């Protein structure tokens, strides 16, 4: 009998899209329009082609939404048609996922998920693999296998199969955005000192772009905003700090310097309309929200 791998959707196969209110999740096309986490989707396709394990979708849905279930199926039809309807399981949001496996959970079942709480409920009796998507794993409480979305699809597929078939524990080094931002600030300060420029103050840094939103491919740069103030123009600052082949973890870094007066603050630059919730806030909030209607389990203060 083949081992089974159950794969989460939101934050794992699909890129989380920030929302300002929970009501947005009930709007038409919210789930249908989510971008695929390309490397992860392609890795799952590779695993299915190898036909060494049986792959299922295991994704929570808003049971009182008019669109969620239909749109998740349509999303899979578009990006992962290899997984048929009989291999798609949609428990209600906030429920324990292992309680919805039709023939019961097995000790050698695996769950690929980005949410530590789901993995903790799953393991034991079965085993979990955490998908590091660049914005989770903030406290590092999950101590079993961790795989980074920044790896190539072939690497991800190979590592998932090694974990499942050979009982290996693999822990990828995730790209921690906070560490990247700190390293970029240090690089910028070094370039300023190297050019005898001492009247510029670095106010902050923020990873954004394709890697910041999780829609990168293997060749994507690391885009980082730097907010500064001082007697130097943005374009001159750009040329100065990007003149070297600056890389982090062998990934080329593209630094975009901005000032409040010209391009706005980092917050203004990234959030022209309104502030959004983080992925952790979203999952915690939606679970708490649903528990109030006695349809879900309270997920407040759960570590990602």
Protein backbone atom coordinates (compact mmCIF):
# COMPACT_ATOMS: atom_id res chain seq x y z
CA UNK A 1 0.00 0.00 0.00
CA UNK A 2 1.37 3.41 -1.00
CA UNK A 3 2.10 6.03 1.59
CA UNK A 4 -0.10 9.12 1.40
CA UNK A 5 0.73 12.83 1.30
CA UNK A 6 -1.98 15.36 2.14
CA UNK A 7 -1.33 18.89 0.88
CA UNK A 8 -2.76 22.15 2.24
CA UNK A 9 -3.78 24.95 -0.13
CA UNK A 10 -3.84 28.41 1.53
CA UNK A 11 -0.27 29.53 2.20
CA UNK A 12 1.10 26.25 0.82
CA UNK A 13 -0.09 25.68 -2.76
CA UNK A 14 -1.62 29.14 -3.08
CA UNK A 15 -0.05 32.45 -2.10
CA UNK A 16 -1.87 34.14 0.75
CA UNK A 17 -3.49 37.42 -0.34
CA UNK A 18 -3.84 39.87 2.57
CA UNK A 19 -7.29 41.04 3.56
CA UNK A 20 -8.41 43.96 5.70
CA UNK A 21 -11.61 42.34 6.96
CA UNK A 22 -12.81 38.74 7.31
CA UNK A 23 -15.79 39.60 5.12
CA UNK A 24 -13.43 39.81 2.15
CA UNK A 25 -12.96 36.04 2.37
CA UNK A 26 -16.65 35.61 1.56
CA UNK A 27 -16.47 37.67 -1.62
CA UNK A 28 -16.76 36.05 -5.01
CA UNK A 29 -13.43 35.14 -6.67
CA UNK A 30 -11.31 35.62 -3.55
CA UNK A 31 -10.08 32.01 -3.54
CA UNK A 32 -10.30 31.55 -7.29
CA UNK A 33 -7.94 34.47 -7.92
CA UNK A 34 -5.19 33.39 -5.52
CA UNK A 35 -1.80 33.11 -7.23
CA UNK A 36 -0.16 29.67 -7.18
CA UNK A 37 2.98 29.08 -5.12
CA UNK A 38 4.68 28.00 -8.32
CA UNK A 39 7.56 25.96 -6.93
CA UNK A 40 5.27 24.02 -4.61
CA UNK A 41 2.63 23.35 -7.26
CA UNK A 42 5.26 22.09 -9.70
CA UNK A 43 6.82 19.94 -6.98
CA UNK A 44 3.45 18.27 -6.33
CA UNK A 45 3.07 17.65 -10.07
CA UNK A 46 6.51 15.99 -10.11
CA UNK A 47 5.57 13.79 -7.17
CA UNK A 48 2.34 12.71 -8.86
CA UNK A 49 4.22 11.83 -12.06
CA UNK A 50 6.64 9.62 -10.15
CA UNK A 51 3.63 7.68 -8.78
CA UNK A 52 5.45 6.51 -5.65
CA UNK A 53 2.97 7.99 -3.17
CA UNK A 54 -0.71 8.87 -3.25
CA UNK A 55 -1.40 12.62 -3.14
CA UNK A 56 -4.49 14.27 -1.65
CA UNK A 57 -5.60 17.86 -1.14
CA UNK A 58 -6.55 18.61 2.47
CA UNK A 59 -7.69 22.22 2.73
CA UNK A 60 -10.10 23.92 5.11
CA UNK A 61 -13.06 25.81 3.68
CA UNK A 62 -15.50 28.35 5.05
CA UNK A 63 -18.54 26.12 5.36
CA UNK A 64 -20.96 29.07 5.31
CA UNK A 65 -19.43 30.69 2.22
CA UNK A 66 -21.31 30.64 -1.06
CA UNK A 67 -18.08 30.50 -3.05
CA UNK A 68 -15.17 28.97 -1.12
CA UNK A 69 -15.66 25.27 -1.89
CA UNK A 70 -16.58 25.81 -5.53
CA UNK A 71 -13.68 28.19 -6.09
CA UNK A 72 -11.12 25.94 -4.44
CA UNK A 73 -12.15 23.12 -6.75
CA UNK A 74 -11.96 25.46 -9.75
CA UNK A 75 -8.52 26.63 -8.63
CA UNK A 76 -7.33 23.01 -8.49
CA UNK A 77 -8.89 22.27 -11.88
CA UNK A 78 -6.78 25.11 -13.25
CA UNK A 79 -3.43 24.56 -11.49
CA UNK A 80 -3.48 20.92 -10.32
CA UNK A 81 -5.96 18.98 -12.46
CA UNK A 82 -3.82 15.89 -11.81
CA UNK A 83 -5.57 15.62 -8.43
CA UNK A 84 -9.10 14.39 -9.10
CA UNK A 85 -12.22 15.07 -7.05
CA UNK A 86 -11.85 11.80 -5.13
CA UNK A 87 -8.52 13.02 -3.80
CA UNK A 88 -9.76 16.39 -2.56
CA UNK A 89 -10.82 16.74 1.07
CA UNK A 90 -12.27 19.97 2.44
CA UNK A 91 -12.92 19.99 6.20
CA UNK A 92 -14.67 23.03 7.69
CA UNK A 93 -12.38 25.86 8.71
CA UNK A 94 -11.08 25.39 12.24
CA UNK A 95 -11.68 21.63 12.40
CA UNK A 96 -8.99 19.05 13.09
CA UNK A 97 -7.93 17.93 9.63
CA UNK A 98 -7.15 14.36 10.62
CA UNK A 99 -10.77 13.81 11.64
CA UNK A 100 -11.86 14.16 8.01
CA UNK A 101 -9.73 11.47 6.37
CA UNK A 102 -12.44 9.16 4.93
CA UNK A 103 -10.82 5.85 5.90
CA UNK A 104 -9.03 7.20 8.96
CA UNK A 105 -5.53 8.52 9.45
CA UNK A 106 -2.56 6.14 9.29
CA UNK A 107 0.70 6.35 11.19
CA UNK A 108 2.63 6.79 7.93
CA UNK A 109 0.44 9.55 6.48
CA UNK A 110 2.12 12.92 5.88
CA UNK A 111 0.68 16.45 5.91
CA UNK A 112 2.41 19.29 4.03
CA UNK A 113 1.12 22.49 5.62
CA UNK A 114 2.35 26.00 6.47
CA UNK A 115 0.46 26.22 9.77
CA UNK A 116 2.14 24.80 12.88
CA UNK A 117 -1.13 24.25 14.71
CA UNK A 118 -2.47 22.00 11.95
CA UNK A 119 0.77 20.01 11.95
CA UNK A 120 0.74 19.65 15.73
CA UNK A 121 -2.79 18.23 15.66
CA UNK A 122 -1.77 15.86 12.86
CA UNK A 123 1.40 14.56 14.51
CA UNK A 124 1.09 12.18 16.26
CA UNK A 125 -0.17 9.73 15.14
CA UNK A 126 0.95 10.70 11.61
CA UNK A 127 3.79 12.97 10.49
CA UNK A 128 4.01 16.58 9.34
CA UNK A 129 6.15 18.62 6.97
CA UNK A 130 6.13 22.39 7.39
CA UNK A 131 6.20 24.53 4.25
CA UNK A 132 8.23 27.67 4.93
CA UNK A 133 6.67 30.40 2.80
CA UNK A 134 8.81 33.36 3.85
CA UNK A 135 6.33 34.82 6.32
CA UNK A 136 5.75 31.97 8.74
CA UNK A 137 7.99 30.07 11.19
CA UNK A 138 8.52 33.28 13.15
CA UNK A 139 9.16 31.42 16.43
CA UNK A 140 10.56 28.17 15.07
CA UNK A 141 8.43 25.92 17.28
CA UNK A 142 7.99 23.20 14.64
CA UNK A 143 10.96 20.88 15.15
CA UNK A 144 10.33 18.24 12.49
CA UNK A 145 10.93 18.51 8.73
CA UNK A 146 10.75 21.99 7.19
CA UNK A 147 10.92 22.71 3.47
CA UNK A 148 11.39 26.18 1.99
CA UNK A 149 9.27 27.40 -0.91
CA UNK A 150 12.38 29.18 -2.23
CA UNK A 151 13.91 25.86 -3.29
CA UNK A 152 13.41 24.69 -6.87
CA UNK A 153 10.44 22.47 -7.61
CA UNK A 154 12.72 19.50 -8.32
CA UNK A 155 14.49 19.94 -4.97
CA UNK A 156 11.19 20.22 -3.14
CA UNK A 157 9.80 17.10 -4.82
CA UNK A 158 12.97 15.13 -4.09
CA UNK A 159 13.02 16.19 -0.44
CA UNK A 160 9.31 15.47 0.12
CA UNK A 161 9.74 11.97 -1.29
CA UNK A 162 12.87 11.40 0.80
CA UNK A 163 10.95 12.35 3.94
CA UNK A 164 7.92 10.24 3.08
CA UNK A 165 9.57 7.16 1.61
CA UNK A 166 12.78 7.03 3.63
CA UNK A 167 11.63 8.54 6.94
CA UNK A 168 14.26 11.26 6.70
CA UNK A 169 14.08 14.52 8.61
CA UNK A 170 15.05 17.45 6.37
CA UNK A 171 15.24 21.03 7.51
CA UNK A 172 15.75 23.67 4.86
CA UNK A 173 17.26 27.01 5.74
CA UNK A 174 14.40 29.40 5.16
CA UNK A 175 14.98 32.91 3.89
CA UNK A 176 14.06 34.93 6.95
CA UNK A 177 13.00 38.33 5.72
CA UNK A 178 14.07 40.04 8.94
CA UNK A 179 17.60 38.68 8.50
CA UNK A 180 17.65 39.75 4.85
CA UNK A 181 16.55 43.26 5.78
CA UNK A 182 19.21 43.53 8.47
CA UNK A 183 21.92 42.34 6.08
CA UNK A 184 20.80 44.80 3.40
CA UNK A 185 20.91 47.69 5.87
CA UNK A 186 24.45 46.71 6.83
CA UNK A 187 25.43 46.54 3.15
CA UNK A 188 23.99 49.99 2.47
CA UNK A 189 25.78 51.49 5.46
CA UNK A 190 29.04 49.93 4.28
CA UNK A 191 28.62 51.40 0.79
CA UNK A 192 27.93 54.84 2.24
CA UNK A 193 31.02 54.72 4.46
CA UNK A 194 33.10 53.39 1.57
CA UNK A 195 32.18 56.51 -0.39
CA UNK A 196 32.67 58.88 2.57
CA UNK A 197 28.97 59.68 2.84
CA UNK A 198 28.02 60.19 6.48
CA UNK A 199 24.95 62.45 6.34
CA UNK A 200 22.48 59.73 5.27
CA UNK A 201 20.27 57.96 7.81
CA UNK A 202 18.75 54.55 7.07
CA UNK A 203 15.21 54.47 8.45
CA UNK A 204 14.18 50.91 7.59
CA UNK A 205 14.10 48.06 5.08
CA UNK A 206 11.42 45.73 3.73
CA UNK A 207 11.49 42.67 1.45
CA UNK A 208 8.84 42.96 -1.26
CA UNK A 209 8.31 41.89 -4.86
CA UNK A 210 7.95 38.29 -6.05
CA UNK A 211 9.87 36.72 -3.16
CA UNK A 212 8.11 38.92 -0.67
CA UNK A 213 4.73 37.72 -1.92
CA UNK A 214 5.76 34.11 -2.63
CA UNK A 215 5.29 34.11 -6.41
CA UNK A 216 8.99 33.88 -7.23
CA UNK A 217 10.70 31.40 -9.51
CA UNK A 218 14.23 30.00 -9.25
CA UNK A 219 15.72 33.05 -11.00
CA UNK A 220 13.89 35.76 -9.08
CA UNK A 221 15.89 38.48 -7.35
CA UNK A 222 15.40 39.52 -3.75
CA UNK A 223 13.77 42.94 -3.94
CA UNK A 224 14.31 45.11 -0.87
CA UNK A 225 13.04 48.61 -0.13
CA UNK A 226 15.33 50.91 1.83
CA UNK A 227 13.90 54.11 3.30
CA UNK A 228 16.46 56.83 3.98
CA UNK A 229 16.83 60.54 4.54
CA UNK A 230 19.79 62.70 3.64
CA UNK A 231 21.34 64.94 1.03
CA UNK A 232 21.40 62.45 -1.85
CA UNK A 233 18.87 61.78 -4.60
CA UNK A 234 17.08 58.45 -4.86
CA UNK A 235 18.59 57.64 -8.26
CA UNK A 236 22.12 58.45 -7.09
CA UNK A 237 21.57 56.34 -3.99
CA UNK A 238 20.30 53.49 -6.19
CA UNK A 239 23.41 53.54 -8.39
CA UNK A 240 25.69 53.68 -5.37
CA UNK A 241 24.26 50.75 -3.41
CA UNK A 242 23.61 48.50 -6.42
CA UNK A 243 26.99 48.87 -8.14
CA UNK A 244 28.27 45.59 -6.67
CA UNK A 245 26.99 42.08 -7.33
CA UNK A 246 25.38 41.84 -3.90
CA UNK A 247 23.86 38.43 -3.07
CA UNK A 248 22.30 36.72 -0.06
CA UNK A 249 22.24 32.90 -0.04
CA UNK A 250 23.39 33.04 -3.68
CA UNK A 251 20.32 35.12 -4.59
CA UNK A 252 20.92 38.47 -6.27
CA UNK A 253 19.58 41.39 -4.26
CA UNK A 254 17.98 44.43 -5.92
CA UNK A 255 17.81 47.36 -3.48
CA UNK A 256 15.30 50.15 -4.10
CA UNK A 257 16.07 53.27 -2.02
CA UNK A 258 13.18 55.65 -1.30
CA UNK A 259 12.64 58.86 0.64
CA UNK A 260 9.49 60.08 2.32
CA UNK A 261 9.39 63.29 0.27
CA UNK A 262 9.71 61.63 -3.16
CA UNK A 263 8.33 58.07 -3.03
CA UNK A 264 6.78 57.99 0.42
CA UNK A 265 7.61 55.92 3.46
CA UNK A 266 7.92 52.14 3.19
CA UNK A 267 4.38 51.77 4.51
CA UNK A 268 3.05 54.32 2.04
CA UNK A 269 4.95 52.74 -0.83
CA UNK A 270 3.66 49.24 -0.14
CA UNK A 271 0.18 50.09 1.12
CA UNK A 272 -1.21 52.79 -1.11
CA UNK A 273 -4.80 51.86 -0.23
CA UNK A 274 -5.14 50.30 3.21
CA UNK A 275 -3.26 48.10 5.69
CA UNK A 276 -3.56 44.33 5.40
CA UNK A 277 -3.43 41.44 7.80
CA UNK A 278 -0.49 39.05 7.91
CA UNK A 279 -0.94 35.39 7.09
CA UNK A 280 -0.66 34.47 10.76
CA UNK A 281 -3.19 37.10 11.77
CA UNK A 282 -5.52 35.92 9.02
CA UNK A 283 -5.50 32.26 10.04
CA UNK A 284 -5.77 33.04 13.74
CA UNK A 285 -8.54 35.59 13.16
CA UNK A 286 -10.64 33.46 10.87
CA UNK A 287 -10.48 30.51 13.25
CA UNK A 288 -11.47 32.68 16.19
CA UNK A 289 -14.21 34.26 14.16
CA UNK A 290 -15.67 30.90 13.21
CA UNK A 291 -15.50 29.57 16.77
CA UNK A 292 -17.80 32.35 17.88
CA UNK A 293 -20.49 30.83 15.68
CA UNK A 294 -19.75 27.41 17.29
CA UNK A 295 -18.69 26.09 13.91
CA UNK A 296 -14.95 26.27 14.48
CA UNK A 297 -12.18 25.79 17.04
CA UNK A 298 -10.52 28.79 18.72
CA UNK A 299 -7.06 29.41 17.28
CA UNK A 300 -6.08 32.60 19.14
CA UNK A 301 -2.38 33.08 19.86
CA UNK A 302 -1.28 30.01 17.91
CA UNK A 303 2.33 30.14 16.75
CA UNK A 304 2.99 29.79 13.03
